[in-house]
Amino acid sequence: MDRFQLTSTYQPQGDQPTAIKQLVQGIKKGHKHQVLLGVTGSGKTFTMANVIAQVNRPTLVMAPNKTLAAQLYTEFKELFP
């Protein structure tokens, strides 16, 4: 049973499919730490949500401040109702 069901009308675009694939492969290979870099508005949160859905494991997502942590919480709550 999938614990993390991604709910979105959008599909990964641009560099997102490659990033998702590489991050998922890294996790499956046992890489404990990975970094996703992107400019503002590039879809990092959506990319992370897709990785979480594919890996289907509890995940720690870190944010540098409370404002961004709150934004991530809100977006993940919508993507994983």
N, C-alpha and C. Protein backbone atom coordinates (compact mmCIF):
# COMPACT_ATOMS: atom_id res chain seq x y z
N MET A 1 0.84 -1.18 0.00
CA MET A 1 0.00 0.00 0.00
C MET A 1 0.88 1.25 0.00
N ASP A 2 0.55 2.19 -0.86
CA ASP A 2 1.32 3.43 -0.92
C ASP A 2 0.90 4.37 0.20
N ARG A 3 1.87 4.76 0.99
CA ARG A 3 1.62 5.66 2.10
C ARG A 3 1.51 7.10 1.62
N PHE A 4 2.24 7.42 0.56
CA PHE A 4 2.30 8.79 0.05
C PHE A 4 1.72 8.85 -1.36
N GLN A 5 0.45 9.21 -1.46
CA GLN A 5 -0.24 9.34 -2.74
C GLN A 5 -0.21 10.81 -3.15
N LEU A 6 0.53 11.11 -4.20
CA LEU A 6 0.64 12.48 -4.70
C LEU A 6 -0.63 12.84 -5.45
N THR A 7 -1.23 13.97 -5.08
CA THR A 7 -2.44 14.45 -5.74
C THR A 7 -2.13 15.78 -6.41
N SER A 8 -2.10 15.76 -7.75
CA SER A 8 -1.81 16.98 -8.50
C SER A 8 -2.32 16.83 -9.92
N THR A 9 -2.77 17.94 -10.49
CA THR A 9 -3.18 17.94 -11.89
C THR A 9 -2.00 18.21 -12.81
N TYR A 10 -0.86 18.53 -12.22
CA TYR A 10 0.35 18.85 -12.99
C TYR A 10 1.23 17.62 -13.17
N GLN A 11 2.03 17.64 -14.21
CA GLN A 11 3.02 16.60 -14.48
C GLN A 11 4.40 17.26 -14.44
N PRO A 12 5.44 16.52 -14.05
CA PRO A 12 6.80 17.08 -14.07
C PRO A 12 7.16 17.59 -15.47
N GLN A 13 7.83 18.74 -15.50
CA GLN A 13 8.20 19.39 -16.76
C GLN A 13 9.67 19.77 -16.75
N GLY A 14 10.21 20.07 -17.92
CA GLY A 14 11.58 20.57 -18.04
C GLY A 14 12.60 19.61 -17.47
N ASP A 15 13.39 20.11 -16.51
CA ASP A 15 14.43 19.30 -15.87
C ASP A 15 13.89 18.41 -14.75
N GLN A 16 12.64 18.60 -14.37
CA GLN A 16 12.09 17.86 -13.23
C GLN A 16 12.13 16.34 -13.41
N PRO A 17 11.71 15.78 -14.57
CA PRO A 17 11.75 14.32 -14.68
C PRO A 17 13.14 13.73 -14.46
N THR A 18 14.17 14.40 -14.99
CA THR A 18 15.55 13.92 -14.80
C THR A 18 15.96 14.03 -13.34
N ALA A 19 15.62 15.15 -12.71
CA ALA A 19 15.97 15.33 -11.30
C ALA A 19 15.28 14.28 -10.44
N ILE A 20 14.01 14.03 -10.71
CA ILE A 20 13.26 13.02 -9.94
C ILE A 20 13.92 11.66 -10.10
N LYS A 21 14.22 11.29 -11.34
CA LYS A 21 14.83 9.99 -11.61
C LYS A 21 16.17 9.85 -10.89
N GLN A 22 17.02 10.88 -10.97
CA GLN A 22 18.34 10.81 -10.34
C GLN A 22 18.24 10.76 -8.83
N LEU A 23 17.33 11.53 -8.25
CA LEU A 23 17.18 11.52 -6.79
C LEU A 23 16.66 10.16 -6.31
N VAL A 24 15.68 9.61 -7.02
CA VAL A 24 15.14 8.30 -6.64
C VAL A 24 16.23 7.23 -6.76
N GLN A 25 17.00 7.27 -7.84
CA GLN A 25 18.10 6.30 -8.01
C GLN A 25 19.12 6.44 -6.89
N GLY A 26 19.44 7.67 -6.50
CA GLY A 26 20.39 7.89 -5.42
C GLY A 26 19.90 7.29 -4.11
N ILE A 27 18.62 7.46 -3.84
CA ILE A 27 18.05 6.90 -2.61
C ILE A 27 18.11 5.37 -2.66
N LYS A 28 17.75 4.81 -3.79
CA LYS A 28 17.77 3.34 -3.93
C LYS A 28 19.18 2.77 -3.83
N LYS A 29 20.18 3.58 -4.21
CA LYS A 29 21.58 3.15 -4.10
C LYS A 29 22.13 3.34 -2.69
N GLY A 30 21.33 3.93 -1.82
CA GLY A 30 21.76 4.11 -0.44
C GLY A 30 22.41 5.44 -0.13
N HIS A 31 22.36 6.39 -1.04
CA HIS A 31 22.91 7.72 -0.75
C HIS A 31 22.02 8.37 0.31
N LYS A 32 22.57 8.61 1.47
CA LYS A 32 21.78 9.14 2.58
C LYS A 32 21.51 10.63 2.46
N HIS A 33 22.36 11.35 1.77
CA HIS A 33 22.19 12.80 1.65
C HIS A 33 22.27 13.19 0.19
N GLN A 34 21.29 13.98 -0.24
CA GLN A 34 21.28 14.50 -1.60
C GLN A 34 20.82 15.95 -1.53
N VAL A 35 21.15 16.71 -2.55
CA VAL A 35 20.78 18.12 -2.60
C VAL A 35 20.05 18.40 -3.90
N LEU A 36 18.95 19.12 -3.81
CA LEU A 36 18.21 19.57 -4.98
C LEU A 36 18.35 21.08 -5.04
N LEU A 37 19.01 21.57 -6.07
CA LEU A 37 19.21 23.01 -6.23
C LEU A 37 18.35 23.53 -7.37
N GLY A 38 17.80 24.71 -7.19
CA GLY A 38 17.01 25.33 -8.25
C GLY A 38 16.67 26.76 -7.87
N VAL A 39 16.44 27.57 -8.88
CA VAL A 39 16.08 28.97 -8.63
C VAL A 39 14.65 29.04 -8.10
N THR A 40 14.28 30.17 -7.56
CA THR A 40 12.93 30.40 -7.07
C THR A 40 11.93 30.13 -8.19
N GLY A 41 10.92 29.34 -7.87
CA GLY A 41 9.87 29.06 -8.84
C GLY A 41 10.17 27.96 -9.83
N SER A 42 11.26 27.23 -9.62
CA SER A 42 11.65 26.18 -10.57
C SER A 42 10.94 24.85 -10.32
N GLY A 43 10.19 24.75 -9.22
CA GLY A 43 9.44 23.53 -8.94
C GLY A 43 10.14 22.54 -8.03
N LYS A 44 10.97 23.05 -7.13
CA LYS A 44 11.69 22.16 -6.21
C LYS A 44 10.73 21.39 -5.31
N THR A 45 9.72 22.06 -4.78
CA THR A 45 8.77 21.40 -3.89
C THR A 45 8.01 20.31 -4.62
N PHE A 46 7.56 20.59 -5.83
CA PHE A 46 6.85 19.59 -6.63
C PHE A 46 7.77 18.43 -6.97
N THR A 47 9.03 18.73 -7.26
CA THR A 47 10.01 17.68 -7.55
C THR A 47 10.21 16.80 -6.31
N MET A 48 10.36 17.43 -5.14
CA MET A 48 10.52 16.67 -3.90
C MET A 48 9.30 15.80 -3.64
N ALA A 49 8.11 16.33 -3.89
CA ALA A 49 6.88 15.57 -3.66
C ALA A 49 6.84 14.33 -4.56
N ASN A 50 7.28 14.48 -5.79
CA ASN A 50 7.32 13.33 -6.70
C ASN A 50 8.31 12.28 -6.23
N VAL A 51 9.45 12.71 -5.72
CA VAL A 51 10.45 11.77 -5.19
C VAL A 51 9.87 11.03 -3.98
N ILE A 52 9.25 11.77 -3.08
CA ILE A 52 8.65 11.16 -1.89
C ILE A 52 7.60 10.13 -2.29
N ALA A 53 6.77 10.47 -3.27
CA ALA A 53 5.72 9.55 -3.72
C ALA A 53 6.32 8.28 -4.34
N GLN A 54 7.39 8.43 -5.11
CA GLN A 54 8.00 7.26 -5.75
C GLN A 54 8.75 6.38 -4.75
N VAL A 55 9.44 7.00 -3.81
CA VAL A 55 10.20 6.24 -2.82
C VAL A 55 9.26 5.65 -1.77
N ASN A 56 8.20 6.40 -1.44
CA ASN A 56 7.17 5.94 -0.52
C ASN A 56 7.71 5.61 0.87
N ARG A 57 8.55 6.53 1.37
CA ARG A 57 9.12 6.39 2.72
C ARG A 57 9.02 7.72 3.44
N PRO A 58 8.95 7.71 4.76
CA PRO A 58 9.01 8.97 5.49
C PRO A 58 10.28 9.73 5.11
N THR A 59 10.15 11.04 4.97
CA THR A 59 11.25 11.86 4.45
C THR A 59 11.43 13.11 5.28
N LEU A 60 12.67 13.47 5.53
CA LEU A 60 12.97 14.72 6.21
C LEU A 60 13.35 15.75 5.16
N VAL A 61 12.56 16.82 5.08
CA VAL A 61 12.84 17.93 4.17
C VAL A 61 13.21 19.12 5.05
N MET A 62 14.38 19.68 4.81
CA MET A 62 14.86 20.77 5.65
C MET A 62 14.70 22.11 4.95
N ALA A 63 14.37 23.12 5.73
CA ALA A 63 14.23 24.49 5.23
C ALA A 63 15.10 25.40 6.09
N PRO A 64 15.66 26.46 5.49
CA PRO A 64 16.58 27.32 6.23
C PRO A 64 15.92 28.28 7.22
N ASN A 65 14.58 28.42 7.16
CA ASN A 65 13.92 29.32 8.11
C ASN A 65 12.45 28.92 8.28
N LYS A 66 11.79 29.54 9.26
CA LYS A 66 10.41 29.19 9.58
C LYS A 66 9.45 29.54 8.46
N THR A 67 9.71 30.62 7.77
CA THR A 67 8.82 31.04 6.68
C THR A 67 8.79 30.00 5.57
N LEU A 68 9.96 29.55 5.15
CA LEU A 68 10.01 28.52 4.11
C LEU A 68 9.50 27.18 4.61
N ALA A 69 9.73 26.87 5.88
CA ALA A 69 9.22 25.63 6.45
C ALA A 69 7.69 25.64 6.42
N ALA A 70 7.09 26.77 6.76
CA ALA A 70 5.63 26.89 6.73
C ALA A 70 5.10 26.77 5.30
N GLN A 71 5.80 27.36 4.36
CA GLN A 71 5.40 27.27 2.95
C GLN A 71 5.47 25.81 2.47
N LEU A 72 6.55 25.11 2.81
CA LEU A 72 6.68 23.70 2.44
C LEU A 72 5.55 22.87 3.06
N TYR A 73 5.26 23.12 4.32
CA TYR A 73 4.19 22.39 5.00
C TYR A 73 2.87 22.56 4.26
N THR A 74 2.55 23.80 3.91
CA THR A 74 1.29 24.09 3.22
C THR A 74 1.22 23.39 1.87
N GLU A 75 2.30 23.47 1.11
CA GLU A 75 2.31 22.85 -0.21
C GLU A 75 2.26 21.33 -0.13
N PHE A 76 3.02 20.74 0.79
CA PHE A 76 2.98 19.28 0.94
C PHE A 76 1.61 18.81 1.42
N LYS A 77 0.98 19.60 2.27
CA LYS A 77 -0.35 19.24 2.76
C LYS A 77 -1.35 19.18 1.60
N GLU A 78 -1.19 20.07 0.61
CA GLU A 78 -2.06 20.06 -0.57
C GLU A 78 -1.71 18.90 -1.51
N LEU A 79 -0.43 18.59 -1.64
CA LEU A 79 0.00 17.53 -2.55
C LEU A 79 -0.23 16.13 -1.98
N PHE A 80 -0.23 16.03 -0.65
CA PHE A 80 -0.47 14.75 0.02
C PHE A 80 -1.63 14.92 1.00
N PRO A 81 -2.87 15.00 0.47
CA PRO A 81 -4.03 15.25 1.36
C PRO A 81 -4.32 14.08 2.29
